[in-house]
C-alpha atoms as a PDB file:
ATOM      1  CA  MET A   1    -109.939 -14.973  18.744  1.00  0.00           C
ATOM      2  CA  SER A   2    -111.609 -18.707  20.144  1.00  0.00           C
ATOM      3  CA  ARG A   3    -114.888 -18.510  21.962  1.00  0.00           C
ATOM      4  CA  SER A   4    -113.396 -20.206  24.326  1.00  0.00           C
ATOM      5  CA  SER A   5    -110.985 -17.361  25.017  1.00  0.00           C
ATOM      6  CA  ILE A   6    -113.119 -14.673  25.428  1.00  0.00           C
ATOM      7  CA  ALA A   7    -115.411 -16.580  27.636  1.00  0.00           C
ATOM      8  CA  ASN A   8    -112.374 -17.105  30.256  1.00  0.00           C
ATOM      9  CA  LEU A   9    -111.678 -13.256  29.404  1.00  0.00           C
ATOM     10  CA  VAL A  10    -114.440 -12.374  30.401  1.00  0.00           C
ATOM     11  CA  ALA A  11    -114.783 -14.411  33.951  1.00  0.00           C
ATOM     12  CA  ALA A  12    -111.156 -12.922  34.918  1.00  0.00           C
ATOM     13  CA  LEU A  13    -111.996  -9.143  34.112  1.00  0.00           C
ATOM     14  CA  LEU A  14    -115.371  -9.822  36.447  1.00  0.00           C
ATOM     15  CA  LEU A  15    -113.499 -12.092  39.320  1.00  0.00           C
ATOM     16  CA  ALA A  16    -110.791  -8.798  38.994  1.00  0.00           C
ATOM     17  CA  ALA A  17    -113.701  -6.443  39.221  1.00  0.00           C
ATOM     18  CA  CYS A  18    -114.999  -8.280  42.289  1.00  0.00           C
ATOM     19  CA  GLY A  19    -111.294  -8.299  44.250  1.00  0.00           C
ATOM     20  CA  GLN A  20    -111.338  -4.587  44.349  1.00  0.00           C
ATOM     21  CA  ASN A  21    -113.579  -4.430  47.099  1.00  0.00           C
ATOM     22  CA  ALA A  22    -113.939  -7.511  49.482  1.00  0.00           C
ATOM     23  CA  ASP A  23    -116.156  -6.669  51.569  1.00  0.00           C
ATOM     24  CA  ALA A  24    -118.909  -5.565  49.236  1.00  0.00           C
ATOM     25  CA  LEU A  25    -121.363  -7.844  48.227  1.00  0.00           C
ATOM     26  CA  GLY A  26    -120.591  -8.276  44.637  1.00  0.00           C
ATOM     27  CA  LEU A  27    -120.113  -5.586  41.932  1.00  0.00           C
ATOM     28  CA  ALA A  28    -120.850  -1.854  42.419  1.00  0.00           C
ATOM     29  CA  THR A  29    -124.054  -0.783  40.154  1.00  0.00           C
ATOM     30  CA  ARG A  30    -126.366   1.465  39.155  1.00  0.00           C
ATOM     31  CA  ASP A  31    -129.003   2.556  37.011  1.00  0.00           C
ATOM     32  CA  GLN A  32    -127.335   4.522  34.223  1.00  0.00           C
ATOM     33  CA  ASN A  33    -130.482   5.335  32.260  1.00  0.00           C
ATOM     34  CA  PRO A  34    -129.814   8.799  30.606  1.00  0.00           C
ATOM     35  CA  MET A  35    -133.176  10.440  31.546  1.00  0.00           C
ATOM     36  CA  LEU A  36    -132.698   9.451  35.079  1.00  0.00           C
ATOM     37  CA  GLN A  37    -129.062  11.496  35.582  1.00  0.00           C
ATOM     38  CA  PRO A  38    -130.790  14.922  37.167  1.00  0.00           C
ATOM     39  CA  VAL A  39    -132.303  12.797  39.628  1.00  0.00           C
ATOM     40  CA  TYR A  40    -129.939  11.493  42.664  1.00  0.00           C
ATOM     41  CA  LEU A  41    -129.596   7.748  43.458  1.00  0.00           C
ATOM     42  CA  PRO A  42    -127.490   6.438  46.452  1.00  0.00           C
ATOM     43  CA  GLY A  43    -125.862   3.713  45.554  1.00  0.00           C
ATOM     44  CA  TYR A  44    -124.523   0.636  47.691  1.00  0.00           C
ATOM     45  CA  PHE A  45    -121.793   1.969  49.643  1.00  0.00           C
ATOM     46  CA  SER A  46    -120.832  -0.004  52.741  1.00  0.00           C
ATOM     47  CA  VAL A  47    -118.381   1.217  55.458  1.00  0.00           C
ATOM     48  CA  ALA A  48    -117.732  -1.709  57.981  1.00  0.00           C
ATOM     49  CA  ALA A  49    -116.424  -0.083  61.255  1.00  0.00           C
ATOM     50  CA  ASP A  50    -117.810   2.683  63.571  1.00  0.00           C
ATOM     51  CA  ARG A  51    -116.221   5.915  63.271  1.00  0.00           C
ATOM     52  CA  GLU A  52    -114.236   4.934  59.920  1.00  0.00           C
ATOM     53  CA  TRP A  53    -113.908   7.198  56.820  1.00  0.00           C
ATOM     54  CA  ARG A  54    -114.078   5.345  53.913  1.00  0.00           C
ATOM     55  CA  PHE A  55    -113.227   6.585  49.726  1.00  0.00           C
ATOM     56  CA  ASP A  56    -114.157   4.535  46.873  1.00  0.00           C
ATOM     57  CA  THR A  57    -114.331   5.268  43.383  1.00  0.00           C
ATOM     58  CA  ASN A  58    -116.312   3.873  40.381  1.00  0.00           C
ATOM     59  CA  LEU A  59    -116.213   3.686  37.247  1.00  0.00           C
ATOM     60  CA  TYR A  60    -119.421   3.137  35.227  1.00  0.00           C
ATOM     61  CA  LEU A  61    -119.214   2.536  31.017  1.00  0.00           C
ATOM     62  CA  THR A  62    -122.798   1.839  29.503  1.00  0.00           C
ATOM     63  CA  ASN A  63    -124.054   1.637  26.391  1.00  0.00           C
ATOM     64  CA  THR A  64    -127.885   2.598  25.983  1.00  0.00           C
ATOM     65  CA  HIS A  65    -130.446   1.862  23.145  1.00  0.00           C
ATOM     66  CA  GLN A  66    -134.146   1.568  24.136  1.00  0.00           C
ATOM     67  CA  LEU A  67    -136.993   2.498  20.936  1.00  0.00           C
ATOM     68  CA  LYS A  68    -140.677   2.271  22.220  1.00  0.00           C
ATOM     69  CA  GLU A  69    -143.075   3.081  19.965  1.00  0.00           C
ATOM     70  CA  GLY A  70    -146.602   2.905  21.057  1.00  0.00           C
ATOM     71  CA  SER A  71    -149.993   4.315  19.079  1.00  0.00           C
ATOM     72  CA  SER A  72    -149.688   8.118  20.513  1.00  0.00           C
ATOM     73  CA  GLU A  73    -146.084   7.908  21.893  1.00  0.00           C
ATOM     74  CA  ASP A  74    -142.180   7.723  21.085  1.00  0.00           C
ATOM     75  CA  LEU A  75    -139.464   6.992  23.014  1.00  0.00           C
ATOM     76  CA  ILE A  76    -135.936   6.374  21.295  1.00  0.00           C
ATOM     77  CA  ILE A  77    -132.699   6.414  23.913  1.00  0.00           C
ATOM     78  CA  ASP A  78    -129.278   5.709  22.426  1.00  0.00           C
ATOM     79  CA  VAL A  79    -126.398   7.196  23.972  1.00  0.00           C
ATOM     80  CA  GLU A  80    -123.423   6.368  25.554  1.00  0.00           C
ATOM     81  CA  ASN A  81    -122.520   7.207  29.241  1.00  0.00           C
ATOM     82  CA  THR A  82    -119.551   7.349  30.840  1.00  0.00           C
ATOM     83  CA  ARG A  83    -119.811   8.083  34.957  1.00  0.00           C
ATOM     84  CA  LEU A  84    -116.947   8.537  36.904  1.00  0.00           C
ATOM     85  CA  GLN A  85    -118.085   9.007  40.775  1.00  0.00           C
ATOM     86  CA  PHE A  86    -116.077   9.562  43.957  1.00  0.00           C
ATOM     87  CA  ASP A  87    -117.524   8.496  47.098  1.00  0.00           C
ATOM     88  CA  LEU A  88    -116.553   9.320  50.950  1.00  0.00           C
ATOM     89  CA  GLY A  89    -118.266   8.062  53.633  1.00  0.00           C
ATOM     90  CA  MET A  90    -118.606   7.657  57.445  1.00  0.00           C
ATOM     91  CA  ARG A  91    -120.511   4.945  59.799  1.00  0.00           C
ATOM     92  CA  ARG A  92    -121.294   6.873  63.618  1.00  0.00           C
ATOM     93  CA  GLY A  93    -123.330   4.735  65.420  1.00  0.00           C
ATOM     94  CA  ASP A  94    -126.245   3.837  62.849  1.00  0.00           C
ATOM     95  CA  TRP A  95    -126.009   6.512  60.965  1.00  0.00           C
ATOM     96  CA  VAL A  96    -123.418   6.352  57.681  1.00  0.00           C
ATOM     97  CA  PHE A  97    -123.291   9.816  55.790  1.00  0.00           C
ATOM     98  CA  THR A  98    -121.735   9.723  52.310  1.00  0.00           C
ATOM     99  CA  ALA A  99    -121.083  11.910  49.964  1.00  0.00           C
ATOM    100  CA  SER A 100    -120.881  11.231  45.979  1.00  0.00           C
ATOM    101  CA  ILE A 101    -119.090  13.382  43.042  1.00  0.00           C
ATOM    102  CA  PRO A 102    -120.383  11.916  39.743  1.00  0.00           C
ATOM    103  CA  PHE A 103    -118.645  12.967  36.692  1.00  0.00           C
ATOM    104  CA  ILE A 104    -120.878  12.160  33.688  1.00  0.00           C
ATOM    105  CA  ASP A 105    -120.467  12.278  30.432  1.00  0.00           C
ATOM    106  CA  ASN A 106    -122.825  11.243  27.531  1.00  0.00           C
ATOM    107  CA  GLN A 107    -121.590  10.824  23.614  1.00  0.00           C
ATOM    108  CA  ALA A 108    -122.505   9.339  20.582  1.00  0.00           C
ATOM    109  CA  GLY A 109    -122.353   5.449  20.728  1.00  0.00           C
ATOM    110  CA  GLU A 110    -118.253   4.631  20.139  1.00  0.00           C
ATOM    111  CA  LEU A 111    -118.899   1.521  21.432  1.00  0.00           C
ATOM    112  CA  ASP A 112    -122.384   0.388  19.458  1.00  0.00           C
ATOM    113  CA  ARG A 113    -119.995  -1.941  17.027  1.00  0.00           C
ATOM    114  CA  VAL A 114    -118.253  -3.349  19.926  1.00  0.00           C
ATOM    115  CA  ILE A 115    -121.728  -4.822  21.259  1.00  0.00           C
ATOM    116  CA  GLU A 116    -123.302  -5.154  17.899  1.00  0.00           C
ATOM    117  CA  ASP A 117    -120.495  -7.916  17.624  1.00  0.00           C
ATOM    118  CA  TRP A 118    -120.904  -9.203  20.619  1.00  0.00           C
ATOM    119  CA  HIS A 119    -124.243 -10.064  20.250  1.00  0.00           C
ATOM    120  CA  ASP A 120    -123.454 -12.048  16.980  1.00  0.00           C
ATOM    121  CA  PHE A 121    -120.979 -13.689  18.260  1.00  0.00           C
ATOM    122  CA  TRP A 122    -123.283 -15.151  21.134  1.00  0.00           C
ATOM    123  CA  GLY A 123    -126.539 -15.366  19.086  1.00  0.00           C
ATOM    124  CA  PHE A 124    -128.009 -12.493  20.329  1.00  0.00           C
ATOM    125  CA  PRO A 125    -130.733 -10.734  18.953  1.00  0.00           C
ATOM    126  CA  GLN A 126    -129.660  -6.644  17.609  1.00  0.00           C
ATOM    127  CA  GLY A 127    -133.483  -5.497  18.661  1.00  0.00           C
ATOM    128  CA  THR A 128    -133.485  -2.300  17.421  1.00  0.00           C
ATOM    129  CA  ARG A 129    -130.902  -1.313  17.321  1.00  0.00           C
ATOM    130  CA  ASP A 130    -130.672  -1.902  13.232  1.00  0.00           C
ATOM    131  CA  LYS A 131    -133.775   0.629  13.667  1.00  0.00           C
ATOM    132  CA  THR A 132    -131.662   3.968  14.674  1.00  0.00           C
ATOM    133  CA  PRO A 133    -127.938   5.245  13.192  1.00  0.00           C
ATOM    134  CA  ARG A 134    -124.995   4.405  14.335  1.00  0.00           C
ATOM    135  CA  PHE A 135    -122.370   6.438  16.239  1.00  0.00           C
ATOM    136  CA  GLU A 136    -124.960   8.954  16.999  1.00  0.00           C
ATOM    137  CA  ILE A 137    -126.273  10.107  20.135  1.00  0.00           C
ATOM    138  CA  ASP A 138    -130.407  10.278  20.027  1.00  0.00           C
ATOM    139  CA  ILE A 139    -132.752  11.221  22.971  1.00  0.00           C
ATOM    140  CA  GLU A 140    -136.355  11.669  22.156  1.00  0.00           C
ATOM    141  CA  TYR A 141    -139.573  11.782  23.139  1.00  0.00           C
ATOM    142  CA  ARG A 142    -142.360  12.199  21.056  1.00  0.00           C
ATOM    143  CA  ARG A 143    -146.173  12.685  21.835  1.00  0.00           C
ATOM    144  CA  ASP A 144    -149.120  13.211  19.945  1.00  0.00           C
ATOM    145  CA  ALA A 145    -148.706  15.525  16.988  1.00  0.00           C
ATOM    146  CA  PHE A 146    -144.924  15.162  16.944  1.00  0.00           C
ATOM    147  CA  ARG A 147    -144.467  11.673  14.706  1.00  0.00           C
ATOM    148  CA  ASP A 148    -142.206  13.151  12.646  1.00  0.00           C
ATOM    149  CA  ARG A 149    -138.762  11.871  13.403  1.00  0.00           C
ATOM    150  CA  THR A 150    -137.350  15.495  13.609  1.00  0.00           C
ATOM    151  CA  ALA A 151    -140.044  16.663  16.027  1.00  0.00           C
ATOM    152  CA  GLY A 152    -140.555  16.849  19.004  1.00  0.00           C
ATOM    153  CA  ALA A 153    -137.094  16.252  20.409  1.00  0.00           C
ATOM    154  CA  CYS A 154    -135.763  16.949  23.580  1.00  0.00           C
ATOM    155  CA  PHE A 155    -132.161  16.608  22.861  1.00  0.00           C
ATOM    156  CA  GLN A 156    -130.823  15.821  19.443  1.00  0.00           C
ATOM    157  CA  ARG A 157    -126.815  16.191  18.414  1.00  0.00           C
ATOM    158  CA  ARG A 158    -126.359  14.939  14.960  1.00  0.00           C
END
C-alpha cells in the first residue's frame, strides 16, 4: 500500500469519526494513562437542549509506552488499553447531569508491531520502545534501592 493511500485512509477514518457526533466540537478524547484509571476524569459530553436526554458510547484504544529513568526513580509504563464507555446525560436549565459506565481492559501490547511499523513508515523515532520487550504488559515504579528490574514492581505480568 502506498504512502498516499494510507494517508487517504487515515483522513477518511478521521472524517467518519467526526461525523458520528455532529454537535460535538471534534473527536471524543480522554487521558488513557493507566496510572489515572482509578481516578474519575470527566470527559466532554454535550447535551444541547433543555430537558433532553442523551446517550453516547465511545471506544478508546491506546498503546502507552513510557520509560523515565532518573537518578533515584524509574517509571515504566508499557500497556495496551481498551476502554468502552457508555454515557448518559440530561440538561436542566444551567445544570448538566451525566453518568458514565466504563469497561476497561489492560493487556499486553498486541499493537506493538503495528505502532513500530507506523513509526518506521513515517520516519518517526521509536523512542525507548526498543529498550523494553514486545507484546508484554509492564507497569512499574522503582525508587532508591529498587534498581533491580524485577524488584519494586507495582504490577507486572510476564
